[in-house]
Amino acid sequence: MKVISEGSQLKSVGKKLPLDKVNGESIGIMHFNPEGARHFKQCIEASMYLPESLQKWYLSIIDKLASDNQVGICSIHGHEWTEVDFVQDLERAQTLAEKWSK
């Protein structure tokens, strides 16, 4: 998922963002404070009753909240991480995890 951010504020997240505006990538890890978790849960529950929501991912809710300036971001620059989409990715992740456990 690509992201558009300004400072520490998420402005948009999605797969189809204009590439000339994209300035980051989401690794899919999220942290919610108690108020944010309640609000996110309410938004998810409300969207479940909308037929068009059946074709969307939960990140569409994060994108909506971001457009209302309700989502902060945290850089992972300088930290090791990897996506796991394929077997080769899993092997890299295992190698990284072994290093972290030492």
N, C-alpha and C. Protein backbone atom coordinates (compact mmCIF):
# COMPACT_ATOMS: atom_id res chain seq x y z
N MET A 1 0.83 -1.18 0.00
CA MET A 1 0.00 0.00 0.00
C MET A 1 0.87 1.24 0.00
N LYS A 2 0.57 2.12 -0.90
CA LYS A 2 1.30 3.39 -0.99
C LYS A 2 0.63 4.40 -0.06
N VAL A 3 1.41 5.39 0.36
CA VAL A 3 0.87 6.43 1.23
C VAL A 3 1.28 7.82 0.73
N ILE A 4 0.45 8.77 1.10
CA ILE A 4 0.77 10.18 0.94
C ILE A 4 0.71 10.76 2.35
N SER A 5 1.78 11.42 2.74
CA SER A 5 1.82 11.99 4.09
C SER A 5 2.38 13.40 4.03
N GLU A 6 2.07 14.15 5.10
CA GLU A 6 2.65 15.47 5.30
C GLU A 6 3.12 15.51 6.74
N GLY A 7 4.43 15.65 6.93
CA GLY A 7 4.98 15.62 8.28
C GLY A 7 4.65 14.29 8.93
N SER A 8 4.02 14.33 10.09
CA SER A 8 3.66 13.10 10.81
C SER A 8 2.19 12.74 10.62
N GLN A 9 1.56 13.31 9.58
CA GLN A 9 0.14 13.08 9.32
C GLN A 9 -0.04 12.26 8.06
N LEU A 10 -0.82 11.18 8.15
CA LEU A 10 -1.20 10.42 6.96
C LEU A 10 -2.30 11.18 6.25
N LYS A 11 -2.15 11.33 4.95
CA LYS A 11 -3.17 12.02 4.15
C LYS A 11 -4.00 11.05 3.33
N SER A 12 -3.36 9.96 2.87
CA SER A 12 -4.07 8.97 2.07
C SER A 12 -3.28 7.68 2.04
N VAL A 13 -3.99 6.56 1.92
CA VAL A 13 -3.36 5.25 1.79
C VAL A 13 -4.17 4.45 0.78
N GLY A 14 -3.49 3.75 -0.12
CA GLY A 14 -4.18 2.93 -1.11
C GLY A 14 -3.24 2.41 -2.17
N LYS A 15 -3.78 1.54 -3.01
CA LYS A 15 -2.98 0.95 -4.09
C LYS A 15 -2.99 1.80 -5.34
N LYS A 16 -3.98 2.69 -5.47
CA LYS A 16 -4.15 3.43 -6.71
C LYS A 16 -3.94 4.93 -6.53
N LEU A 17 -3.03 5.31 -5.66
CA LEU A 17 -2.74 6.72 -5.46
C LEU A 17 -1.88 7.24 -6.62
N PRO A 18 -2.00 8.53 -6.94
CA PRO A 18 -1.15 9.08 -8.01
C PRO A 18 0.33 9.00 -7.61
N LEU A 19 1.11 8.32 -8.42
CA LEU A 19 2.50 8.06 -8.07
C LEU A 19 3.32 9.34 -7.87
N ASP A 20 2.94 10.41 -8.53
CA ASP A 20 3.69 11.65 -8.35
C ASP A 20 3.42 12.29 -6.99
N LYS A 21 2.41 11.79 -6.26
CA LYS A 21 2.09 12.31 -4.91
C LYS A 21 2.56 11.37 -3.81
N VAL A 22 2.78 10.09 -4.14
CA VAL A 22 3.17 9.08 -3.16
C VAL A 22 4.54 9.40 -2.59
N ASN A 23 4.65 9.32 -1.26
CA ASN A 23 5.95 9.56 -0.63
C ASN A 23 6.26 8.53 0.45
N GLY A 24 5.60 7.37 0.38
CA GLY A 24 5.89 6.32 1.34
C GLY A 24 5.10 5.07 1.06
N GLU A 25 5.33 4.08 1.91
CA GLU A 25 4.66 2.80 1.79
C GLU A 25 4.23 2.35 3.18
N SER A 26 3.04 1.80 3.27
CA SER A 26 2.56 1.26 4.54
C SER A 26 3.05 -0.17 4.70
N ILE A 27 3.57 -0.48 5.87
CA ILE A 27 3.98 -1.87 6.12
C ILE A 27 2.86 -2.64 6.80
N GLY A 28 1.75 -1.97 7.08
CA GLY A 28 0.57 -2.67 7.59
C GLY A 28 0.51 -2.83 9.10
N ILE A 29 1.42 -2.23 9.81
CA ILE A 29 1.38 -2.29 11.27
C ILE A 29 0.73 -1.03 11.79
N MET A 30 -0.25 -1.19 12.66
CA MET A 30 -0.96 -0.03 13.19
C MET A 30 -1.03 -0.08 14.70
N HIS A 31 -1.04 1.10 15.28
CA HIS A 31 -1.19 1.25 16.73
C HIS A 31 -2.32 2.23 16.96
N PHE A 32 -3.26 1.84 17.80
CA PHE A 32 -4.40 2.70 18.11
C PHE A 32 -4.37 3.07 19.58
N ASN A 33 -4.60 4.35 19.88
CA ASN A 33 -4.85 4.70 21.28
C ASN A 33 -6.30 4.29 21.56
N PRO A 34 -6.72 4.25 22.81
CA PRO A 34 -8.08 3.77 23.11
C PRO A 34 -9.19 4.52 22.36
N GLU A 35 -9.08 5.84 22.29
CA GLU A 35 -10.10 6.62 21.58
C GLU A 35 -10.09 6.29 20.09
N GLY A 36 -8.90 6.19 19.51
CA GLY A 36 -8.78 5.86 18.09
C GLY A 36 -9.31 4.48 17.79
N ALA A 37 -9.07 3.52 18.67
CA ALA A 37 -9.58 2.16 18.48
C ALA A 37 -11.10 2.15 18.48
N ARG A 38 -11.70 2.87 19.42
CA ARG A 38 -13.17 2.95 19.47
C ARG A 38 -13.72 3.58 18.19
N HIS A 39 -13.09 4.65 17.76
CA HIS A 39 -13.55 5.35 16.55
C HIS A 39 -13.40 4.45 15.32
N PHE A 40 -12.26 3.78 15.18
CA PHE A 40 -12.03 2.86 14.06
C PHE A 40 -13.07 1.75 14.07
N LYS A 41 -13.34 1.19 15.24
CA LYS A 41 -14.34 0.13 15.36
C LYS A 41 -15.72 0.63 14.93
N GLN A 42 -16.09 1.83 15.36
CA GLN A 42 -17.38 2.40 14.96
C GLN A 42 -17.45 2.58 13.45
N CYS A 43 -16.39 3.05 12.86
CA CYS A 43 -16.37 3.25 11.40
C CYS A 43 -16.47 1.92 10.66
N ILE A 44 -15.77 0.91 11.14
CA ILE A 44 -15.85 -0.43 10.53
C ILE A 44 -17.28 -0.95 10.63
N GLU A 45 -17.86 -0.86 11.83
CA GLU A 45 -19.22 -1.36 12.02
C GLU A 45 -20.21 -0.63 11.14
N ALA A 46 -20.08 0.69 11.01
CA ALA A 46 -20.99 1.46 10.17
C ALA A 46 -20.84 1.07 8.71
N SER A 47 -19.62 0.82 8.27
CA SER A 47 -19.40 0.49 6.86
C SER A 47 -19.92 -0.90 6.50
N MET A 48 -20.06 -1.77 7.49
CA MET A 48 -20.54 -3.13 7.22
C MET A 48 -21.96 -3.14 6.67
N TYR A 49 -22.69 -2.07 6.85
CA TYR A 49 -24.08 -2.01 6.38
C TYR A 49 -24.19 -1.35 5.01
N LEU A 50 -23.06 -0.98 4.43
CA LEU A 50 -23.06 -0.36 3.11
C LEU A 50 -22.63 -1.39 2.07
N PRO A 51 -23.48 -1.68 1.08
CA PRO A 51 -23.14 -2.71 0.09
C PRO A 51 -21.78 -2.48 -0.58
N GLU A 52 -21.43 -1.21 -0.87
CA GLU A 52 -20.16 -0.94 -1.54
C GLU A 52 -18.95 -1.29 -0.67
N SER A 53 -19.16 -1.37 0.63
CA SER A 53 -18.06 -1.69 1.54
C SER A 53 -17.64 -3.15 1.44
N LEU A 54 -18.50 -3.99 0.91
CA LEU A 54 -18.16 -5.41 0.78
C LEU A 54 -17.02 -5.62 -0.20
N GLN A 55 -16.73 -4.63 -1.03
CA GLN A 55 -15.65 -4.72 -2.01
C GLN A 55 -14.40 -3.97 -1.57
N LYS A 56 -14.36 -3.54 -0.32
CA LYS A 56 -13.24 -2.72 0.15
C LYS A 56 -12.47 -3.42 1.26
N TRP A 57 -11.22 -2.97 1.46
CA TRP A 57 -10.37 -3.44 2.54
C TRP A 57 -10.53 -2.51 3.73
N TYR A 58 -10.11 -2.95 4.90
CA TYR A 58 -10.19 -2.11 6.10
C TYR A 58 -9.38 -0.82 5.94
N LEU A 59 -8.38 -0.85 5.07
CA LEU A 59 -7.57 0.36 4.87
C LEU A 59 -8.37 1.48 4.22
N SER A 60 -9.52 1.17 3.62
CA SER A 60 -10.36 2.25 3.09
C SER A 60 -10.90 3.09 4.25
N ILE A 61 -11.10 2.47 5.41
CA ILE A 61 -11.52 3.21 6.60
C ILE A 61 -10.36 4.08 7.08
N ILE A 62 -9.16 3.53 7.12
CA ILE A 62 -7.98 4.30 7.51
C ILE A 62 -7.80 5.48 6.54
N ASP A 63 -8.01 5.25 5.25
CA ASP A 63 -7.90 6.31 4.27
C ASP A 63 -8.90 7.43 4.54
N LYS A 64 -10.13 7.07 4.87
CA LYS A 64 -11.16 8.07 5.19
C LYS A 64 -10.76 8.85 6.43
N LEU A 65 -10.32 8.16 7.47
CA LEU A 65 -9.88 8.84 8.69
C LEU A 65 -8.69 9.76 8.41
N ALA A 66 -7.79 9.31 7.53
CA ALA A 66 -6.63 10.11 7.18
C ALA A 66 -7.05 11.40 6.47
N SER A 67 -8.07 11.30 5.62
CA SER A 67 -8.53 12.49 4.91
C SER A 67 -9.13 13.51 5.87
N ASP A 68 -9.51 13.05 7.05
CA ASP A 68 -10.03 13.94 8.10
C ASP A 68 -8.95 14.31 9.13
N ASN A 69 -7.67 14.06 8.77
CA ASN A 69 -6.52 14.37 9.64
C ASN A 69 -6.58 13.66 10.99
N GLN A 70 -6.98 12.40 10.97
CA GLN A 70 -7.11 11.66 12.22
C GLN A 70 -6.10 10.52 12.36
N VAL A 71 -5.12 10.45 11.44
CA VAL A 71 -4.17 9.34 11.46
C VAL A 71 -2.75 9.87 11.40
N GLY A 72 -1.96 9.52 12.40
CA GLY A 72 -0.55 9.86 12.41
C GLY A 72 0.28 8.74 11.82
N ILE A 73 1.54 9.03 11.55
CA ILE A 73 2.43 8.01 11.00
C ILE A 73 3.73 7.98 11.80
N CYS A 74 4.47 6.92 11.61
CA CYS A 74 5.75 6.75 12.26
C CYS A 74 6.71 6.14 11.24
N SER A 75 7.84 6.74 11.05
CA SER A 75 8.82 6.23 10.09
C SER A 75 9.52 5.00 10.64
N ILE A 76 9.81 4.08 9.75
CA ILE A 76 10.62 2.91 10.13
C ILE A 76 12.00 2.99 9.48
N HIS A 77 12.31 4.16 8.94
CA HIS A 77 13.61 4.36 8.29
C HIS A 77 14.73 3.92 9.23
N GLY A 78 15.62 3.11 8.71
CA GLY A 78 16.74 2.63 9.50
C GLY A 78 16.46 1.35 10.27
N HIS A 79 15.22 0.89 10.24
CA HIS A 79 14.86 -0.37 10.91
C HIS A 79 14.69 -1.46 9.87
N GLU A 80 15.05 -2.66 10.24
CA GLU A 80 14.93 -3.78 9.32
C GLU A 80 13.51 -4.31 9.33
N TRP A 81 13.01 -4.62 8.15
CA TRP A 81 11.70 -5.25 8.00
C TRP A 81 11.64 -5.87 6.61
N THR A 82 10.66 -6.69 6.39
CA THR A 82 10.47 -7.27 5.06
C THR A 82 9.02 -7.66 4.88
N GLU A 83 8.56 -7.60 3.65
CA GLU A 83 7.24 -8.10 3.32
C GLU A 83 7.32 -9.61 3.18
N VAL A 84 6.21 -10.29 3.42
CA VAL A 84 6.15 -11.72 3.19
C VAL A 84 4.98 -11.99 2.26
N ASP A 85 5.31 -12.04 0.97
CA ASP A 85 4.31 -12.35 -0.06
C ASP A 85 4.59 -13.69 -0.72
N PHE A 86 5.85 -14.09 -0.74
CA PHE A 86 6.26 -15.30 -1.44
C PHE A 86 7.20 -16.11 -0.55
N VAL A 87 7.46 -17.36 -0.93
CA VAL A 87 8.33 -18.23 -0.15
C VAL A 87 9.70 -17.58 0.04
N GLN A 88 10.22 -16.94 -0.98
CA GLN A 88 11.53 -16.29 -0.88
C GLN A 88 11.49 -15.18 0.18
N ASP A 89 10.35 -14.49 0.29
CA ASP A 89 10.20 -13.45 1.31
C ASP A 89 10.22 -14.06 2.71
N LEU A 90 9.61 -15.21 2.85
CA LEU A 90 9.57 -15.89 4.15
C LEU A 90 10.98 -16.26 4.58
N GLU A 91 11.78 -16.73 3.64
CA GLU A 91 13.16 -17.07 3.96
C GLU A 91 13.93 -15.84 4.46
N ARG A 92 13.73 -14.69 3.82
CA ARG A 92 14.38 -13.45 4.26
C ARG A 92 13.89 -13.06 5.65
N ALA A 93 12.59 -13.18 5.87
CA ALA A 93 12.01 -12.83 7.17
C ALA A 93 12.58 -13.73 8.27
N GLN A 94 12.73 -15.01 7.98
CA GLN A 94 13.28 -15.93 8.97
C GLN A 94 14.73 -15.56 9.30
N THR A 95 15.49 -15.18 8.27
CA THR A 95 16.88 -14.77 8.49
C THR A 95 16.94 -13.53 9.37
N LEU A 96 16.07 -12.54 9.08
CA LEU A 96 16.03 -11.34 9.90
C LEU A 96 15.62 -11.66 11.34
N ALA A 97 14.58 -12.47 11.50
CA ALA A 97 14.09 -12.82 12.84
C ALA A 97 15.15 -13.54 13.65
N GLU A 98 15.90 -14.41 13.02
CA GLU A 98 16.98 -15.11 13.73
C GLU A 98 18.01 -14.12 14.26
N LYS A 99 18.32 -13.12 13.45
CA LYS A 99 19.27 -12.09 13.86
C LYS A 99 18.72 -11.27 15.04
N TRP A 100 17.43 -10.99 15.04
CA TRP A 100 16.82 -10.18 16.09
C TRP A 100 16.78 -10.93 17.42
N SER A 101 16.70 -12.26 17.37
CA SER A 101 16.57 -13.02 18.60
C SER A 101 17.91 -13.27 19.29
N LYS A 102 19.00 -12.85 18.68
CA LYS A 102 20.32 -13.07 19.28
C LYS A 102 20.65 -11.98 20.26
